[in-house]
Amino acid sequence: MRVFKTRTIASDACKNKRVTMKGTPLKPSRTIKPGDIIDVKKPPITYTFRVLAIPTGRLGAKLVPEYLENITPKSQYDLLEMTKISGFIDRRKGLGRPTKRDGREMAKFKEEAFFLDWDDDFDDDFDDDFDDEV
C-alpha cells in the first residue's frame, strides 16, 4: 500500500526478509488482516505500520491513511535525520566529486606548496656567489 514505489520492489523486499510481522519474514503472497502490525526495513530505519482495513482494489495516495496507520517510533525518524546529516559530514574521501570546500582546500594546499616560505636571503646568497666569480 504505497510503502514501496512498485510491486516488484515490494516483492523483492519480502524475498530479502525486509518485511516482517512479529519478527517473522513475510512472503509476497501473505494474506494480512486488519490489526496486523508490519515492520518494513528500508535502511537505515525500520518503519512500522498497522493495517486498519483491506481495500478492495487499487487506491489513491490520499486514501492510504484510511487503510494503513504509520506507527513508526520517533526514534527511528531521528535516526534517519542523523544519517542524512552525517552523510555530508562523514563523507569518505575519494567518493564522488569534491565539494566546494574540498576544492578550496586543494587550491589552498597547491598555493602553499608552490609558494613555500623561502628564506628572503636566498636570492641574496645566489647574487653573492655570482659576484664572487666575476
C-alpha atoms as a PDB file:
ATOM      1  CA  MET A   1       0.000   0.000   0.000  1.00  0.00           C
ATOM      2  CA  ARG A   2       2.369   2.633  -1.292  1.00  0.00           C
ATOM      3  CA  VAL A   3       5.157   1.702   1.090  1.00  0.00           C
ATOM      4  CA  PHE A   4       7.299   0.791  -1.914  1.00  0.00           C
ATOM      5  CA  LYS A   5       7.277   2.507  -5.287  1.00  0.00           C
ATOM      6  CA  THR A   6       6.465  -0.633  -7.309  1.00  0.00           C
ATOM      7  CA  ARG A   7       5.111  -4.103  -6.689  1.00  0.00           C
ATOM      8  CA  THR A   8       8.372  -5.593  -7.919  1.00  0.00           C
ATOM      9  CA  ILE A   9      10.361  -3.684  -5.301  1.00  0.00           C
ATOM     10  CA  ALA A  10       7.856  -4.738  -2.634  1.00  0.00           C
ATOM     11  CA  SER A  11       8.131  -8.373  -3.717  1.00  0.00           C
ATOM     12  CA  ASP A  12      11.946  -8.211  -3.653  1.00  0.00           C
ATOM     13  CA  ALA A  13      11.828  -6.692  -0.159  1.00  0.00           C
ATOM     14  CA  CYS A  14       9.695  -9.614   1.029  1.00  0.00           C
ATOM     15  CA  LYS A  15      12.058 -12.139  -0.567  1.00  0.00           C
ATOM     16  CA  ASN A  16      15.039 -10.442   1.110  1.00  0.00           C
ATOM     17  CA  LYS A  17      13.302 -10.650   4.517  1.00  0.00           C
ATOM     18  CA  ARG A  18      12.892  -6.893   4.904  1.00  0.00           C
ATOM     19  CA  VAL A  19       9.142  -7.140   5.553  1.00  0.00           C
ATOM     20  CA  THR A  20       8.256  -8.865   8.807  1.00  0.00           C
ATOM     21  CA  MET A  21       5.322  -9.426  11.108  1.00  0.00           C
ATOM     22  CA  LYS A  22       6.157 -10.154  14.759  1.00  0.00           C
ATOM     23  CA  GLY A  23       9.737 -10.898  13.695  1.00  0.00           C
ATOM     24  CA  THR A  24       8.703 -13.459  11.053  1.00  0.00           C
ATOM     25  CA  PRO A  25       9.573 -12.657   7.426  1.00  0.00           C
ATOM     26  CA  LEU A  26       6.548 -12.390   5.142  1.00  0.00           C
ATOM     27  CA  LYS A  27       6.116 -13.837   1.671  1.00  0.00           C
ATOM     28  CA  PRO A  28       4.763 -11.536  -1.061  1.00  0.00           C
ATOM     29  CA  SER A  29       1.527 -13.521  -1.180  1.00  0.00           C
ATOM     30  CA  ARG A  30       0.890 -13.449   2.566  1.00  0.00           C
ATOM     31  CA  THR A  31      -2.700 -12.586   3.487  1.00  0.00           C
ATOM     32  CA  ILE A  32      -2.980  -9.881   6.091  1.00  0.00           C
ATOM     33  CA  LYS A  33      -5.947  -8.804   8.187  1.00  0.00           C
ATOM     34  CA  PRO A  34      -6.926  -5.605   9.997  1.00  0.00           C
ATOM     35  CA  GLY A  35      -4.951  -5.143  13.196  1.00  0.00           C
ATOM     36  CA  ASP A  36      -1.750  -6.750  11.888  1.00  0.00           C
ATOM     37  CA  ILE A  37       1.441  -4.809  12.588  1.00  0.00           C
ATOM     38  CA  ILE A  38       4.023  -4.957   9.824  1.00  0.00           C
ATOM     39  CA  ASP A  39       7.673  -3.874  10.042  1.00  0.00           C
ATOM     40  CA  VAL A  40       9.379  -2.705   6.849  1.00  0.00           C
ATOM     41  CA  LYS A  41      13.160  -2.312   6.827  1.00  0.00           C
ATOM     42  CA  LYS A  42      14.210   0.457   4.477  1.00  0.00           C
ATOM     43  CA  PRO A  43      17.764   1.171   5.581  1.00  0.00           C
ATOM     44  CA  PRO A  44      18.731   2.945   7.732  1.00  0.00           C
ATOM     45  CA  ILE A  45      15.400   2.719   9.590  1.00  0.00           C
ATOM     46  CA  THR A  46      12.543   0.287  10.161  1.00  0.00           C
ATOM     47  CA  TYR A  47       9.036   1.593   9.515  1.00  0.00           C
ATOM     48  CA  THR A  48       6.117   0.124  11.470  1.00  0.00           C
ATOM     49  CA  PHE A  49       2.568   0.080  10.100  1.00  0.00           C
ATOM     50  CA  ARG A  50      -0.778  -1.084  11.494  1.00  0.00           C
ATOM     51  CA  VAL A  51      -3.315  -2.407   8.994  1.00  0.00           C
ATOM     52  CA  LEU A  52      -6.664  -0.690   9.606  1.00  0.00           C
ATOM     53  CA  ALA A  53      -8.655  -2.201   6.741  1.00  0.00           C
ATOM     54  CA  ILE A  54      -8.152  -4.111   3.499  1.00  0.00           C
ATOM     55  CA  PRO A  55      -9.010  -2.194   0.310  1.00  0.00           C
ATOM     56  CA  THR A  56     -10.991  -3.974  -2.400  1.00  0.00           C
ATOM     57  CA  GLY A  57      -8.842  -2.580  -5.197  1.00  0.00           C
ATOM     58  CA  ARG A  58      -6.148  -0.079  -6.012  1.00  0.00           C
ATOM     59  CA  LEU A  59      -6.461   3.278  -4.300  1.00  0.00           C
ATOM     60  CA  GLY A  60      -5.050   6.766  -4.496  1.00  0.00           C
ATOM     61  CA  ALA A  61      -2.387   8.140  -2.200  1.00  0.00           C
ATOM     62  CA  LYS A  62      -4.888  10.332  -0.350  1.00  0.00           C
ATOM     63  CA  LEU A  63      -6.881   7.270   0.756  1.00  0.00           C
ATOM     64  CA  VAL A  64      -3.937   5.346   2.253  1.00  0.00           C
ATOM     65  CA  PRO A  65      -4.385   6.762   5.813  1.00  0.00           C
ATOM     66  CA  GLU A  66      -7.852   5.145   5.924  1.00  0.00           C
ATOM     67  CA  TYR A  67      -6.297   1.703   5.468  1.00  0.00           C
ATOM     68  CA  LEU A  68      -2.801   1.984   6.934  1.00  0.00           C
ATOM     69  CA  GLU A  69      -1.544   3.725  10.093  1.00  0.00           C
ATOM     70  CA  ASN A  70       2.117   4.652  10.422  1.00  0.00           C
ATOM     71  CA  ILE A  71       3.184   3.863  13.995  1.00  0.00           C
ATOM     72  CA  THR A  72       6.928   4.192  13.445  1.00  0.00           C
ATOM     73  CA  PRO A  73       8.624   5.419  16.647  1.00  0.00           C
ATOM     74  CA  LYS A  74      10.058   8.939  16.626  1.00  0.00           C
ATOM     75  CA  SER A  75      13.482   7.495  17.471  1.00  0.00           C
ATOM     76  CA  GLN A  76      13.577   5.870  14.017  1.00  0.00           C
ATOM     77  CA  TYR A  77      12.910   9.211  12.329  1.00  0.00           C
ATOM     78  CA  ASP A  78      15.610  10.822  14.475  1.00  0.00           C
ATOM     79  CA  LEU A  79      17.991   8.111  13.276  1.00  0.00           C
ATOM     80  CA  LEU A  80      17.030   8.892   9.675  1.00  0.00           C
ATOM     81  CA  GLU A  81      17.711  12.595  10.220  1.00  0.00           C
ATOM     82  CA  MET A  82      21.097  11.854  11.779  1.00  0.00           C
ATOM     83  CA  THR A  83      22.136   9.685   8.841  1.00  0.00           C
ATOM     84  CA  LYS A  84      21.131  12.424   6.414  1.00  0.00           C
ATOM     85  CA  ILE A  85      23.263  14.933   8.278  1.00  0.00           C
ATOM     86  CA  SER A  86      26.203  12.581   8.765  1.00  0.00           C
ATOM     87  CA  GLY A  87      26.157  11.705   5.085  1.00  0.00           C
ATOM     88  CA  PHE A  88      27.548  15.150   4.383  1.00  0.00           C
ATOM     89  CA  ILE A  89      29.837  15.381   7.388  1.00  0.00           C
ATOM     90  CA  ASP A  90      31.365  11.915   7.310  1.00  0.00           C
ATOM     91  CA  ARG A  91      31.711  11.549   3.540  1.00  0.00           C
ATOM     92  CA  ARG A  92      34.557   9.178   2.810  1.00  0.00           C
ATOM     93  CA  LYS A  93      37.374  10.830   0.933  1.00  0.00           C
ATOM     94  CA  GLY A  94      37.683   9.854  -2.711  1.00  0.00           C
ATOM     95  CA  LEU A  95      33.998   9.110  -3.236  1.00  0.00           C
ATOM     96  CA  GLY A  96      32.195  11.262  -5.743  1.00  0.00           C
ATOM     97  CA  ARG A  97      33.084  14.719  -6.873  1.00  0.00           C
ATOM     98  CA  PRO A  98      34.884  17.024  -4.477  1.00  0.00           C
ATOM     99  CA  THR A  99      32.709  19.534  -2.682  1.00  0.00           C
ATOM    100  CA  LYS A 100      33.336  23.268  -2.916  1.00  0.00           C
ATOM    101  CA  ARG A 101      35.075  23.082   0.438  1.00  0.00           C
ATOM    102  CA  ASP A 102      37.310  20.266  -0.805  1.00  0.00           C
ATOM    103  CA  GLY A 103      38.144  22.337  -3.881  1.00  0.00           C
ATOM    104  CA  ARG A 104      39.088  25.371  -1.787  1.00  0.00           C
ATOM    105  CA  GLU A 105      41.273  23.231   0.473  1.00  0.00           C
ATOM    106  CA  MET A 106      43.027  21.690  -2.544  1.00  0.00           C
ATOM    107  CA  ALA A 107      43.627  25.128  -4.087  1.00  0.00           C
ATOM    108  CA  LYS A 108      44.996  26.429  -0.789  1.00  0.00           C
ATOM    109  CA  PHE A 109      47.288  23.413  -0.471  1.00  0.00           C
ATOM    110  CA  LYS A 110      48.584  23.839  -4.021  1.00  0.00           C
ATOM    111  CA  GLU A 111      49.186  27.546  -3.445  1.00  0.00           C
ATOM    112  CA  GLU A 112      51.046  26.884  -0.200  1.00  0.00           C
ATOM    113  CA  ALA A 113      53.099  24.111  -1.808  1.00  0.00           C
ATOM    114  CA  PHE A 114      54.099  26.345  -4.718  1.00  0.00           C
ATOM    115  CA  PHE A 115      54.942  29.382  -2.619  1.00  0.00           C
ATOM    116  CA  LEU A 116      56.933  27.758   0.145  1.00  0.00           C
ATOM    117  CA  ASP A 117      58.410  30.026   2.736  1.00  0.00           C
ATOM    118  CA  TRP A 118      61.777  30.576   1.124  1.00  0.00           C
ATOM    119  CA  ASP A 119      64.268  32.496   3.142  1.00  0.00           C
ATOM    120  CA  ASP A 120      64.430  36.079   1.992  1.00  0.00           C
ATOM    121  CA  ASP A 121      68.198  35.831   1.699  1.00  0.00           C
ATOM    122  CA  PHE A 122      68.034  33.013  -0.861  1.00  0.00           C
ATOM    123  CA  ASP A 123      68.281  35.437  -3.767  1.00  0.00           C
ATOM    124  CA  ASP A 124      70.957  37.390  -1.938  1.00  0.00           C
ATOM    125  CA  ASP A 125      73.080  34.260  -1.483  1.00  0.00           C
ATOM    126  CA  PHE A 126      72.819  33.482  -5.151  1.00  0.00           C
ATOM    127  CA  ASP A 127      73.803  37.018  -6.094  1.00  0.00           C
ATOM    128  CA  ASP A 128      76.766  36.926  -3.677  1.00  0.00           C
ATOM    129  CA  ASP A 129      78.085  33.700  -5.202  1.00  0.00           C
ATOM    130  CA  PHE A 130      77.756  35.142  -8.688  1.00  0.00           C
ATOM    131  CA  ASP A 131      79.539  38.375  -7.699  1.00  0.00           C
ATOM    132  CA  ASP A 132      82.471  36.373  -6.242  1.00  0.00           C
ATOM    133  CA  GLU A 133      83.098  34.619  -9.541  1.00  0.00           C
ATOM    134  CA  VAL A 134      83.167  37.828 -11.623  1.00  0.00           C
END
